[in-house]
N, C-alpha and C. Protein backbone atom coordinates (compact mmCIF):
# COMPACT_ATOMS: atom_id res chain seq x y z
N MET A 1 -61.33 -18.73 214.84
CA MET A 1 -61.07 -18.76 213.39
C MET A 1 -60.05 -17.75 213.08
N LYS A 2 -58.94 -18.25 212.40
CA LYS A 2 -57.85 -17.36 212.02
C LYS A 2 -58.22 -16.46 210.82
N THR A 3 -57.91 -15.29 210.94
CA THR A 3 -58.19 -14.36 209.83
C THR A 3 -57.11 -14.57 208.74
N GLN A 4 -57.52 -14.61 207.53
CA GLN A 4 -56.60 -14.74 206.42
C GLN A 4 -56.34 -13.46 205.70
N PHE A 5 -55.13 -13.15 205.32
CA PHE A 5 -54.78 -11.96 204.59
C PHE A 5 -53.60 -12.24 203.66
N THR A 6 -53.38 -11.37 202.73
CA THR A 6 -52.17 -11.54 201.91
C THR A 6 -50.94 -11.40 202.75
N PRO A 7 -50.05 -12.36 202.71
CA PRO A 7 -48.86 -12.36 203.54
C PRO A 7 -47.94 -11.16 203.24
N GLY A 8 -47.22 -10.67 204.27
CA GLY A 8 -46.27 -9.65 204.06
C GLY A 8 -44.88 -10.20 203.65
N PRO A 9 -43.98 -9.39 203.35
CA PRO A 9 -44.09 -7.94 203.54
C PRO A 9 -44.89 -7.29 202.38
N TRP A 10 -45.51 -6.19 202.72
CA TRP A 10 -46.18 -5.38 201.68
C TRP A 10 -45.30 -4.25 201.29
N HIS A 11 -45.28 -3.80 200.05
CA HIS A 11 -44.47 -2.74 199.62
C HIS A 11 -45.31 -1.60 199.06
N LEU A 12 -44.65 -0.49 199.11
CA LEU A 12 -45.32 0.79 198.53
C LEU A 12 -44.72 1.13 197.18
N GLY A 13 -45.61 1.50 196.31
CA GLY A 13 -45.24 2.02 195.05
C GLY A 13 -45.95 3.39 194.86
N TYR A 14 -45.13 4.47 194.75
CA TYR A 14 -45.67 5.83 194.62
C TYR A 14 -45.72 6.28 193.18
N ASN A 15 -46.79 6.87 192.76
CA ASN A 15 -46.82 7.61 191.48
C ASN A 15 -47.01 9.05 191.87
N LYS A 16 -47.30 9.92 190.85
CA LYS A 16 -47.40 11.33 191.20
C LYS A 16 -48.66 11.62 192.04
N HIS A 17 -49.75 10.91 191.81
CA HIS A 17 -51.00 11.21 192.47
C HIS A 17 -51.59 9.99 193.30
N ASP A 18 -50.87 8.97 193.38
CA ASP A 18 -51.39 7.85 194.20
C ASP A 18 -50.28 6.96 194.67
N ALA A 19 -50.71 6.02 195.45
CA ALA A 19 -49.77 4.97 196.01
C ALA A 19 -50.50 3.66 195.87
N SER A 20 -49.72 2.57 195.69
CA SER A 20 -50.27 1.26 195.68
C SER A 20 -49.50 0.44 196.64
N ILE A 21 -50.19 -0.46 197.33
CA ILE A 21 -49.66 -1.36 198.28
C ILE A 21 -49.70 -2.73 197.59
N HIS A 22 -48.60 -3.39 197.53
CA HIS A 22 -48.59 -4.65 196.74
C HIS A 22 -47.66 -5.67 197.39
N ASN A 23 -47.89 -6.89 196.95
CA ASN A 23 -46.99 -8.10 197.31
C ASN A 23 -47.18 -9.02 196.10
N GLY A 24 -46.70 -8.64 194.98
CA GLY A 24 -46.85 -9.36 193.77
C GLY A 24 -48.19 -9.03 193.15
N VAL A 25 -49.14 -8.75 193.87
CA VAL A 25 -50.50 -8.26 193.33
C VAL A 25 -50.86 -7.02 194.15
N THR A 26 -51.68 -6.18 193.59
CA THR A 26 -52.12 -4.94 194.26
C THR A 26 -53.07 -5.36 195.39
N ILE A 27 -52.75 -4.86 196.60
CA ILE A 27 -53.55 -5.08 197.76
C ILE A 27 -54.54 -3.95 198.01
N ALA A 28 -53.93 -2.73 197.80
CA ALA A 28 -54.84 -1.50 198.00
C ALA A 28 -54.17 -0.34 197.17
N SER A 29 -54.97 0.64 196.87
CA SER A 29 -54.53 1.85 196.24
C SER A 29 -55.09 3.00 197.05
N VAL A 30 -54.28 4.04 197.19
CA VAL A 30 -54.65 5.23 197.93
C VAL A 30 -54.30 6.42 196.99
N CYS A 31 -55.33 7.25 196.81
CA CYS A 31 -55.17 8.42 195.92
C CYS A 31 -55.00 9.68 196.65
N ASP A 32 -54.56 10.74 195.87
CA ASP A 32 -54.34 11.99 196.58
C ASP A 32 -55.60 12.83 196.77
N ASP A 33 -56.78 12.25 196.58
CA ASP A 33 -58.02 12.92 196.94
C ASP A 33 -58.07 13.08 198.50
N ALA A 34 -57.42 12.19 199.16
CA ALA A 34 -57.43 12.26 200.65
C ALA A 34 -56.25 13.18 201.06
N THR A 35 -56.41 13.91 202.12
CA THR A 35 -55.39 14.80 202.56
C THR A 35 -54.07 14.17 202.98
N HIS A 36 -54.15 12.98 203.52
CA HIS A 36 -52.94 12.35 204.04
C HIS A 36 -52.73 11.04 203.33
N TRP A 37 -52.76 11.03 202.05
CA TRP A 37 -52.74 9.77 201.23
C TRP A 37 -51.38 9.06 201.45
N LYS A 38 -50.31 9.75 201.51
CA LYS A 38 -48.94 9.05 201.66
C LYS A 38 -48.93 8.41 203.05
N ALA A 39 -49.30 9.09 204.12
CA ALA A 39 -49.28 8.56 205.43
C ALA A 39 -50.22 7.36 205.55
N ASN A 40 -51.41 7.45 204.88
CA ASN A 40 -52.41 6.36 204.92
C ASN A 40 -51.73 5.08 204.18
N ALA A 41 -51.06 5.34 203.06
CA ALA A 41 -50.43 4.24 202.35
C ALA A 41 -49.31 3.60 203.18
N ARG A 42 -48.54 4.41 203.89
CA ARG A 42 -47.47 3.83 204.78
C ARG A 42 -48.10 2.94 205.80
N LEU A 43 -49.19 3.47 206.45
CA LEU A 43 -49.82 2.71 207.51
C LEU A 43 -50.39 1.40 207.02
N ILE A 44 -51.01 1.39 205.84
CA ILE A 44 -51.62 0.21 205.32
C ILE A 44 -50.50 -0.77 204.97
N ALA A 45 -49.41 -0.31 204.32
CA ALA A 45 -48.34 -1.23 203.98
C ALA A 45 -47.61 -1.77 205.18
N SER A 46 -47.70 -1.13 206.28
CA SER A 46 -47.06 -1.66 207.50
C SER A 46 -47.92 -2.67 208.31
N ALA A 47 -49.14 -2.91 207.87
CA ALA A 47 -50.05 -3.76 208.58
C ALA A 47 -49.45 -5.11 208.99
N PRO A 48 -48.83 -5.81 208.01
CA PRO A 48 -48.35 -7.18 208.47
C PRO A 48 -47.25 -7.14 209.55
N GLU A 49 -46.37 -6.07 209.44
CA GLU A 49 -45.34 -5.89 210.39
C GLU A 49 -45.90 -5.42 211.80
N LEU A 50 -46.90 -4.57 211.72
CA LEU A 50 -47.56 -4.10 212.95
C LEU A 50 -48.17 -5.26 213.73
N LEU A 51 -48.87 -6.19 212.95
CA LEU A 51 -49.47 -7.36 213.53
C LEU A 51 -48.37 -8.23 214.18
N SER A 52 -47.30 -8.45 213.43
CA SER A 52 -46.21 -9.25 213.97
C SER A 52 -45.68 -8.64 215.29
N ALA A 53 -45.52 -7.33 215.30
CA ALA A 53 -44.96 -6.66 216.52
C ALA A 53 -45.91 -6.84 217.68
N LEU A 54 -47.23 -6.73 217.52
CA LEU A 54 -48.19 -6.94 218.53
C LEU A 54 -48.23 -8.38 219.01
N GLU A 55 -48.06 -9.30 218.07
CA GLU A 55 -48.06 -10.69 218.55
C GLU A 55 -46.81 -10.97 219.34
N ARG A 56 -45.64 -10.40 218.97
CA ARG A 56 -44.49 -10.57 219.85
C ARG A 56 -44.64 -9.98 221.23
N LEU A 57 -45.25 -8.83 221.32
CA LEU A 57 -45.38 -8.14 222.59
C LEU A 57 -46.45 -8.92 223.40
N ALA A 58 -47.39 -9.54 222.81
CA ALA A 58 -48.43 -10.26 223.61
C ALA A 58 -47.96 -11.62 224.05
N HIS A 59 -46.81 -12.06 223.57
CA HIS A 59 -46.32 -13.36 223.98
C HIS A 59 -45.83 -13.32 225.41
N PRO A 60 -46.12 -14.32 226.25
CA PRO A 60 -45.74 -14.27 227.65
C PRO A 60 -44.23 -14.13 227.85
N MET A 61 -43.40 -14.49 226.92
CA MET A 61 -41.97 -14.44 227.08
C MET A 61 -41.41 -13.15 226.33
N ALA A 62 -42.24 -12.17 226.09
CA ALA A 62 -41.74 -11.00 225.40
C ALA A 62 -40.63 -10.30 226.16
N ASP A 63 -39.66 -9.70 225.48
CA ASP A 63 -38.49 -9.04 226.19
C ASP A 63 -38.27 -7.71 225.53
N ASP A 64 -37.12 -7.09 225.90
CA ASP A 64 -36.79 -5.81 225.37
C ASP A 64 -36.56 -5.79 223.84
N ASP A 65 -36.07 -6.90 223.27
CA ASP A 65 -35.90 -7.02 221.85
C ASP A 65 -37.21 -6.85 221.18
N ASP A 66 -38.27 -7.53 221.70
CA ASP A 66 -39.62 -7.43 221.18
C ASP A 66 -40.13 -6.00 221.24
N LEU A 67 -39.90 -5.25 222.30
CA LEU A 67 -40.31 -3.88 222.43
C LEU A 67 -39.56 -3.00 221.44
N ASP A 68 -38.27 -3.25 221.30
CA ASP A 68 -37.44 -2.47 220.32
C ASP A 68 -37.93 -2.67 218.93
N TYR A 69 -38.28 -3.96 218.60
CA TYR A 69 -38.90 -4.25 217.29
C TYR A 69 -40.17 -3.50 217.09
N ALA A 70 -41.04 -3.45 218.08
CA ALA A 70 -42.34 -2.79 217.97
C ALA A 70 -42.09 -1.30 217.71
N ARG A 71 -41.22 -0.66 218.47
CA ARG A 71 -40.87 0.68 218.30
C ARG A 71 -40.33 1.02 216.90
N GLU A 72 -39.51 0.16 216.34
CA GLU A 72 -38.93 0.32 215.00
C GLU A 72 -40.11 0.25 213.95
N ILE A 73 -40.95 -0.60 214.09
CA ILE A 73 -42.09 -0.82 213.12
C ILE A 73 -43.05 0.38 213.27
N ILE A 74 -43.34 0.85 214.39
CA ILE A 74 -44.16 2.04 214.56
C ILE A 74 -43.53 3.25 213.88
N ALA A 75 -42.27 3.43 214.10
CA ALA A 75 -41.53 4.52 213.43
C ALA A 75 -41.57 4.44 211.91
N LYS A 76 -41.51 3.22 211.44
CA LYS A 76 -41.56 2.98 209.99
C LYS A 76 -42.97 3.34 209.49
N ALA A 77 -43.93 2.93 210.24
CA ALA A 77 -45.31 3.20 209.80
C ALA A 77 -45.62 4.66 209.81
N LYS A 78 -45.00 5.45 210.72
CA LYS A 78 -45.14 6.90 210.77
C LYS A 78 -44.28 7.62 209.74
N GLY A 79 -43.36 6.94 209.07
CA GLY A 79 -42.50 7.55 208.11
C GLY A 79 -41.28 8.24 208.76
N GLN A 80 -40.93 7.72 209.91
CA GLN A 80 -39.79 8.32 210.65
C GLN A 80 -38.51 7.56 210.34
N LEU A 81 -38.50 6.51 209.60
CA LEU A 81 -37.33 5.77 209.23
C LEU A 81 -37.02 5.89 207.74
């Protein structure tokens, strides 16, 4: 059974004390009550791209371009881009 979720890309919207993850509609909200709320919001917003990167790497014909893509998405999720 295929898992269904709101299709990406997901986007971040920051306010002073919280962040929302959205794609036309709000998918999730993260508030500053948590110590790492901005990092958590980045990780949640990157979920569709992280899934795509894993699917590319798991493909039998995966190549260096797929690995480079995965590294880019990981860096984005960590806030390094």
